[in-house]
N, C-alpha and C. Protein backbone atom coordinates (compact mmCIF):
# COMPACT_ATOMS: atom_id res chain seq x y z
N MET A 1 -2.59 17.07 5.65
CA MET A 1 -2.34 15.92 4.80
C MET A 1 -1.34 15.01 5.47
N SER A 2 -1.55 13.75 5.34
CA SER A 2 -0.65 12.74 5.89
C SER A 2 0.53 12.52 4.96
N ASP A 3 1.59 11.91 5.50
CA ASP A 3 2.76 11.59 4.70
C ASP A 3 2.54 10.31 3.91
N VAL A 4 3.10 10.25 2.71
CA VAL A 4 3.12 9.00 1.95
C VAL A 4 4.11 8.09 2.67
N VAL A 5 3.66 6.90 3.04
CA VAL A 5 4.52 5.96 3.76
C VAL A 5 4.87 4.73 2.93
N GLU A 6 4.08 4.48 1.85
CA GLU A 6 4.34 3.28 1.05
C GLU A 6 3.82 3.48 -0.36
N ILE A 7 4.56 2.94 -1.31
CA ILE A 7 4.11 2.79 -2.69
C ILE A 7 4.17 1.30 -2.98
N ALA A 8 3.04 0.72 -3.37
CA ALA A 8 2.96 -0.72 -3.60
C ALA A 8 2.79 -0.98 -5.10
N LEU A 9 3.66 -1.81 -5.63
CA LEU A 9 3.64 -2.18 -7.04
C LEU A 9 3.42 -3.68 -7.15
N PHE A 10 2.39 -4.08 -7.86
CA PHE A 10 2.07 -5.49 -8.03
C PHE A 10 2.50 -5.91 -9.43
N THR A 11 3.11 -7.08 -9.53
CA THR A 11 3.74 -7.52 -10.77
C THR A 11 3.55 -9.01 -11.01
N GLU A 12 3.64 -9.38 -12.28
CA GLU A 12 3.63 -10.79 -12.66
C GLU A 12 5.02 -11.40 -12.51
N ASP A 13 6.07 -10.56 -12.52
CA ASP A 13 7.45 -11.05 -12.47
C ASP A 13 8.22 -10.34 -11.36
N VAL A 14 8.10 -10.87 -10.14
CA VAL A 14 8.74 -10.26 -8.98
C VAL A 14 10.26 -10.22 -9.16
N GLY A 15 10.84 -11.28 -9.69
CA GLY A 15 12.30 -11.31 -9.87
C GLY A 15 12.79 -10.17 -10.74
N ALA A 16 12.13 -9.94 -11.86
CA ALA A 16 12.53 -8.85 -12.75
C ALA A 16 12.33 -7.49 -12.08
N ALA A 17 11.22 -7.33 -11.38
CA ALA A 17 10.96 -6.05 -10.70
C ALA A 17 11.98 -5.81 -9.59
N LYS A 18 12.31 -6.87 -8.82
CA LYS A 18 13.32 -6.72 -7.76
C LYS A 18 14.66 -6.33 -8.36
N ALA A 19 15.05 -6.99 -9.43
CA ALA A 19 16.33 -6.68 -10.06
C ALA A 19 16.34 -5.24 -10.60
N PHE A 20 15.25 -4.81 -11.21
CA PHE A 20 15.16 -3.45 -11.74
C PHE A 20 15.32 -2.42 -10.62
N TYR A 21 14.55 -2.57 -9.53
CA TYR A 21 14.60 -1.58 -8.46
C TYR A 21 15.91 -1.65 -7.67
N ALA A 22 16.51 -2.81 -7.56
CA ALA A 22 17.82 -2.91 -6.91
C ALA A 22 18.87 -2.16 -7.73
N ARG A 23 18.84 -2.34 -9.05
CA ARG A 23 19.79 -1.61 -9.91
C ARG A 23 19.51 -0.12 -9.88
N LEU A 24 18.24 0.26 -9.94
CA LEU A 24 17.87 1.67 -9.93
C LEU A 24 18.28 2.34 -8.62
N ALA A 25 18.04 1.67 -7.50
CA ALA A 25 18.36 2.24 -6.19
C ALA A 25 19.84 2.09 -5.84
N GLY A 26 20.52 1.17 -6.51
CA GLY A 26 21.91 0.91 -6.18
C GLY A 26 22.06 0.20 -4.85
N ALA A 27 21.02 -0.49 -4.43
CA ALA A 27 21.03 -1.21 -3.14
C ALA A 27 20.06 -2.38 -3.19
N PRO A 28 20.36 -3.43 -2.44
CA PRO A 28 19.43 -4.57 -2.40
C PRO A 28 18.18 -4.21 -1.60
N PRO A 29 17.16 -5.06 -1.68
CA PRO A 29 15.96 -4.80 -0.88
C PRO A 29 16.29 -4.79 0.62
N ALA A 30 15.53 -4.01 1.37
CA ALA A 30 15.67 -3.99 2.83
C ALA A 30 15.10 -5.27 3.43
N ALA A 31 14.14 -5.86 2.73
CA ALA A 31 13.53 -7.13 3.14
C ALA A 31 13.02 -7.81 1.87
N GLU A 32 13.03 -9.14 1.87
CA GLU A 32 12.47 -9.87 0.75
C GLU A 32 11.99 -11.23 1.19
N TRP A 33 11.08 -11.80 0.42
CA TRP A 33 10.47 -13.09 0.69
C TRP A 33 10.01 -13.65 -0.65
N PRO A 34 9.69 -14.92 -0.73
CA PRO A 34 9.17 -15.43 -2.00
C PRO A 34 7.91 -14.65 -2.37
N GLY A 35 7.95 -13.99 -3.50
CA GLY A 35 6.78 -13.23 -3.95
C GLY A 35 6.82 -11.76 -3.61
N GLY A 36 7.92 -11.25 -3.04
CA GLY A 36 7.93 -9.81 -2.76
C GLY A 36 9.23 -9.30 -2.20
N ALA A 37 9.30 -7.98 -2.11
CA ALA A 37 10.46 -7.31 -1.54
C ALA A 37 10.06 -5.90 -1.14
N ILE A 38 10.81 -5.35 -0.20
CA ILE A 38 10.62 -3.96 0.21
C ILE A 38 11.95 -3.24 0.04
N PHE A 39 11.88 -2.11 -0.66
CA PHE A 39 13.03 -1.23 -0.80
C PHE A 39 12.78 0.00 0.04
N SER A 40 13.83 0.55 0.58
CA SER A 40 13.73 1.79 1.36
C SER A 40 14.04 2.96 0.43
N ALA A 41 13.10 3.90 0.36
CA ALA A 41 13.27 5.08 -0.48
C ALA A 41 13.08 6.31 0.40
N GLY A 42 14.12 6.65 1.17
CA GLY A 42 13.97 7.73 2.15
C GLY A 42 13.04 7.25 3.25
N GLY A 43 12.00 7.97 3.53
CA GLY A 43 11.03 7.57 4.54
C GLY A 43 9.86 6.78 3.97
N VAL A 44 9.96 6.41 2.70
CA VAL A 44 8.86 5.70 2.03
C VAL A 44 9.30 4.28 1.71
N LYS A 45 8.40 3.31 1.95
CA LYS A 45 8.66 1.93 1.55
C LYS A 45 8.18 1.75 0.12
N LEU A 46 9.01 1.12 -0.71
CA LEU A 46 8.60 0.70 -2.04
C LEU A 46 8.40 -0.80 -1.96
N LEU A 47 7.16 -1.23 -2.02
CA LEU A 47 6.79 -2.64 -1.91
C LEU A 47 6.59 -3.20 -3.31
N VAL A 48 7.31 -4.26 -3.64
CA VAL A 48 7.12 -5.00 -4.88
C VAL A 48 6.49 -6.33 -4.47
N HIS A 49 5.35 -6.65 -5.05
CA HIS A 49 4.58 -7.81 -4.60
C HIS A 49 4.01 -8.55 -5.80
N GLU A 50 3.97 -9.87 -5.69
CA GLU A 50 3.39 -10.65 -6.78
C GLU A 50 1.90 -10.35 -6.91
N ARG A 51 1.43 -10.32 -8.14
CA ARG A 51 0.02 -10.12 -8.42
C ARG A 51 -0.68 -11.45 -8.14
N ALA A 52 -1.73 -11.41 -7.35
CA ALA A 52 -2.49 -12.62 -7.02
C ALA A 52 -3.92 -12.21 -6.74
N GLY A 53 -4.77 -13.17 -6.52
CA GLY A 53 -6.15 -12.87 -6.20
C GLY A 53 -6.27 -12.16 -4.86
N ALA A 54 -7.16 -11.20 -4.79
CA ALA A 54 -7.38 -10.46 -3.54
C ALA A 54 -8.28 -11.26 -2.62
N PRO A 55 -8.07 -11.13 -1.30
CA PRO A 55 -8.97 -11.80 -0.36
C PRO A 55 -10.39 -11.26 -0.53
N ALA A 56 -11.39 -12.09 -0.25
CA ALA A 56 -12.78 -11.71 -0.47
C ALA A 56 -13.16 -10.40 0.23
N SER A 57 -12.70 -10.18 1.44
CA SER A 57 -13.08 -8.98 2.17
C SER A 57 -11.95 -7.96 2.26
N GLY A 58 -10.89 -8.19 1.50
CA GLY A 58 -9.73 -7.31 1.58
C GLY A 58 -9.65 -6.35 0.42
N PRO A 59 -8.54 -5.63 0.35
CA PRO A 59 -8.35 -4.65 -0.72
C PRO A 59 -8.01 -5.34 -2.04
N PRO A 60 -8.27 -4.65 -3.16
CA PRO A 60 -7.84 -5.21 -4.45
C PRO A 60 -6.32 -5.36 -4.47
N ASN A 61 -5.86 -6.32 -5.21
CA ASN A 61 -4.44 -6.60 -5.36
C ASN A 61 -3.95 -5.79 -6.56
N GLU A 62 -3.70 -4.48 -6.32
CA GLU A 62 -3.29 -3.60 -7.41
C GLU A 62 -2.39 -2.49 -6.89
N ASP A 63 -1.70 -1.83 -7.81
CA ASP A 63 -0.81 -0.73 -7.44
C ASP A 63 -1.58 0.32 -6.64
N HIS A 64 -0.90 0.86 -5.63
CA HIS A 64 -1.51 1.92 -4.82
C HIS A 64 -0.44 2.62 -4.01
N PHE A 65 -0.81 3.69 -3.34
CA PHE A 65 0.09 4.32 -2.38
C PHE A 65 -0.65 4.40 -1.06
N ALA A 66 0.12 4.47 0.02
CA ALA A 66 -0.46 4.52 1.36
C ALA A 66 -0.09 5.82 2.04
N LEU A 67 -1.08 6.44 2.66
CA LEU A 67 -0.88 7.61 3.50
C LEU A 67 -0.93 7.15 4.94
N GLY A 68 0.05 7.54 5.75
CA GLY A 68 0.08 7.18 7.16
C GLY A 68 -0.74 8.16 7.98
N VAL A 69 -1.59 7.64 8.84
CA VAL A 69 -2.40 8.46 9.73
C VAL A 69 -2.24 7.96 11.17
N ALA A 70 -2.28 8.88 12.11
CA ALA A 70 -2.07 8.51 13.51
C ALA A 70 -3.26 7.76 14.10
N ASP A 71 -4.47 8.12 13.72
CA ASP A 71 -5.68 7.47 14.24
C ASP A 71 -6.58 7.13 13.07
N LEU A 72 -6.45 5.93 12.55
CA LEU A 72 -7.16 5.51 11.35
C LEU A 72 -8.67 5.61 11.53
N ASP A 73 -9.18 5.14 12.65
CA ASP A 73 -10.64 5.11 12.83
C ASP A 73 -11.25 6.50 12.84
N SER A 74 -10.65 7.43 13.56
CA SER A 74 -11.22 8.78 13.59
C SER A 74 -11.01 9.50 12.26
N THR A 75 -9.87 9.24 11.59
CA THR A 75 -9.64 9.84 10.28
C THR A 75 -10.67 9.33 9.28
N ALA A 76 -10.90 8.02 9.27
CA ALA A 76 -11.87 7.44 8.35
C ALA A 76 -13.28 7.95 8.65
N ALA A 77 -13.63 8.07 9.93
CA ALA A 77 -14.96 8.58 10.29
C ALA A 77 -15.13 10.03 9.82
N ALA A 78 -14.11 10.85 9.99
CA ALA A 78 -14.19 12.24 9.56
C ALA A 78 -14.30 12.33 8.03
N LEU A 79 -13.53 11.50 7.32
CA LEU A 79 -13.61 11.50 5.86
C LEU A 79 -14.97 11.01 5.37
N ALA A 80 -15.51 9.97 6.00
CA ALA A 80 -16.83 9.46 5.63
C ALA A 80 -17.90 10.54 5.87
N ALA A 81 -17.78 11.26 6.99
CA ALA A 81 -18.74 12.34 7.29
C ALA A 81 -18.63 13.46 6.25
N ASP A 82 -17.47 13.58 5.62
CA ASP A 82 -17.23 14.59 4.60
C ASP A 82 -17.58 14.09 3.19
N GLY A 83 -18.14 12.88 3.11
CA GLY A 83 -18.61 12.36 1.84
C GLY A 83 -17.70 11.39 1.12
N PHE A 84 -16.56 11.04 1.71
CA PHE A 84 -15.68 10.06 1.08
C PHE A 84 -16.27 8.66 1.24
N ALA A 85 -16.25 7.88 0.16
CA ALA A 85 -16.77 6.51 0.19
C ALA A 85 -15.61 5.54 0.28
N PHE A 86 -15.65 4.64 1.25
CA PHE A 86 -14.60 3.66 1.44
C PHE A 86 -14.91 2.37 0.70
N LEU A 87 -13.92 1.89 -0.02
CA LEU A 87 -14.00 0.60 -0.69
C LEU A 87 -13.90 -0.50 0.36
N VAL A 88 -12.96 -0.33 1.31
CA VAL A 88 -12.77 -1.25 2.44
C VAL A 88 -12.64 -0.39 3.69
N GLU A 89 -13.53 -0.57 4.64
CA GLU A 89 -13.51 0.16 5.91
C GLU A 89 -12.28 -0.23 6.72
N PRO A 90 -11.91 0.56 7.71
CA PRO A 90 -10.74 0.22 8.55
C PRO A 90 -10.86 -1.19 9.13
N ARG A 91 -9.75 -1.92 9.02
CA ARG A 91 -9.69 -3.26 9.61
C ARG A 91 -8.25 -3.68 9.78
N ASP A 92 -8.04 -4.73 10.56
CA ASP A 92 -6.70 -5.25 10.83
C ASP A 92 -6.31 -6.28 9.77
N TYR A 93 -5.06 -6.20 9.34
CA TYR A 93 -4.45 -7.14 8.40
C TYR A 93 -3.16 -7.64 9.02
N ASP A 94 -2.51 -8.58 8.35
CA ASP A 94 -1.21 -9.07 8.82
C ASP A 94 -0.19 -7.95 8.88
N TRP A 95 -0.29 -6.96 7.98
CA TRP A 95 0.69 -5.87 7.90
C TRP A 95 0.31 -4.66 8.75
N GLY A 96 -0.87 -4.67 9.37
CA GLY A 96 -1.29 -3.54 10.20
C GLY A 96 -2.75 -3.19 9.96
N ARG A 97 -3.15 -2.03 10.42
CA ARG A 97 -4.54 -1.58 10.29
C ARG A 97 -4.63 -0.61 9.12
N SER A 98 -5.55 -0.88 8.18
CA SER A 98 -5.67 -0.07 6.98
C SER A 98 -7.12 0.06 6.54
N ALA A 99 -7.37 1.07 5.71
CA ALA A 99 -8.64 1.26 5.03
C ALA A 99 -8.31 1.68 3.60
N TYR A 100 -9.25 1.48 2.67
CA TYR A 100 -8.98 1.75 1.27
C TYR A 100 -10.14 2.51 0.63
N LEU A 101 -9.77 3.44 -0.25
CA LEU A 101 -10.75 4.19 -1.03
C LEU A 101 -10.15 4.46 -2.40
N ARG A 102 -10.95 5.03 -3.29
CA ARG A 102 -10.45 5.35 -4.64
C ARG A 102 -10.53 6.85 -4.86
N ASP A 103 -9.54 7.36 -5.62
CA ASP A 103 -9.59 8.77 -5.98
C ASP A 103 -10.54 8.94 -7.17
N PRO A 104 -10.80 10.17 -7.62
CA PRO A 104 -11.75 10.37 -8.71
C PRO A 104 -11.39 9.66 -10.02
N ASP A 105 -10.11 9.33 -10.23
CA ASP A 105 -9.69 8.60 -11.42
C ASP A 105 -9.65 7.09 -11.22
N GLY A 106 -10.09 6.62 -10.05
CA GLY A 106 -10.14 5.19 -9.79
C GLY A 106 -8.89 4.59 -9.19
N ARG A 107 -7.87 5.42 -8.89
CA ARG A 107 -6.65 4.89 -8.27
C ARG A 107 -6.93 4.49 -6.82
N LEU A 108 -6.35 3.37 -6.42
CA LEU A 108 -6.51 2.86 -5.06
C LEU A 108 -5.61 3.64 -4.10
N VAL A 109 -6.19 4.08 -2.98
CA VAL A 109 -5.46 4.81 -1.94
C VAL A 109 -5.66 4.05 -0.63
N GLU A 110 -4.57 3.78 0.05
CA GLU A 110 -4.63 3.13 1.36
C GLU A 110 -4.39 4.17 2.44
N LEU A 111 -5.18 4.12 3.50
CA LEU A 111 -4.89 4.86 4.72
C LEU A 111 -4.37 3.85 5.71
N SER A 112 -3.17 4.10 6.24
CA SER A 112 -2.49 3.13 7.08
C SER A 112 -2.22 3.71 8.46
N GLN A 113 -2.63 2.96 9.48
CA GLN A 113 -2.36 3.38 10.87
C GLN A 113 -0.86 3.36 11.12
N ILE A 114 -0.30 4.48 11.60
CA ILE A 114 1.13 4.50 11.89
C ILE A 114 1.36 4.62 13.38
């Protein structure tokens, strides 16, 4: 099993979410920009991001967690051969190389090249 490397939370009110997590963590975000922030939670990034429309060929804009994998393409190929269905096949994004699938309850899971 891969390590959880990110938890992404999408919100209508980034300011309120940033303030909540800064107070909860007792520290400001490690990075922030209009519409988002990243908090460091041990070895895991907590991403707070504004809710917006998803790109046509990209992942849904919804809460999810990311598992880091060393070789995304071979991991995705092995999972597909084992019957896993990908919502979004491996591809490059501004933030790196990722693929997306859903668990049996419909939760979004990202596989992220590390």
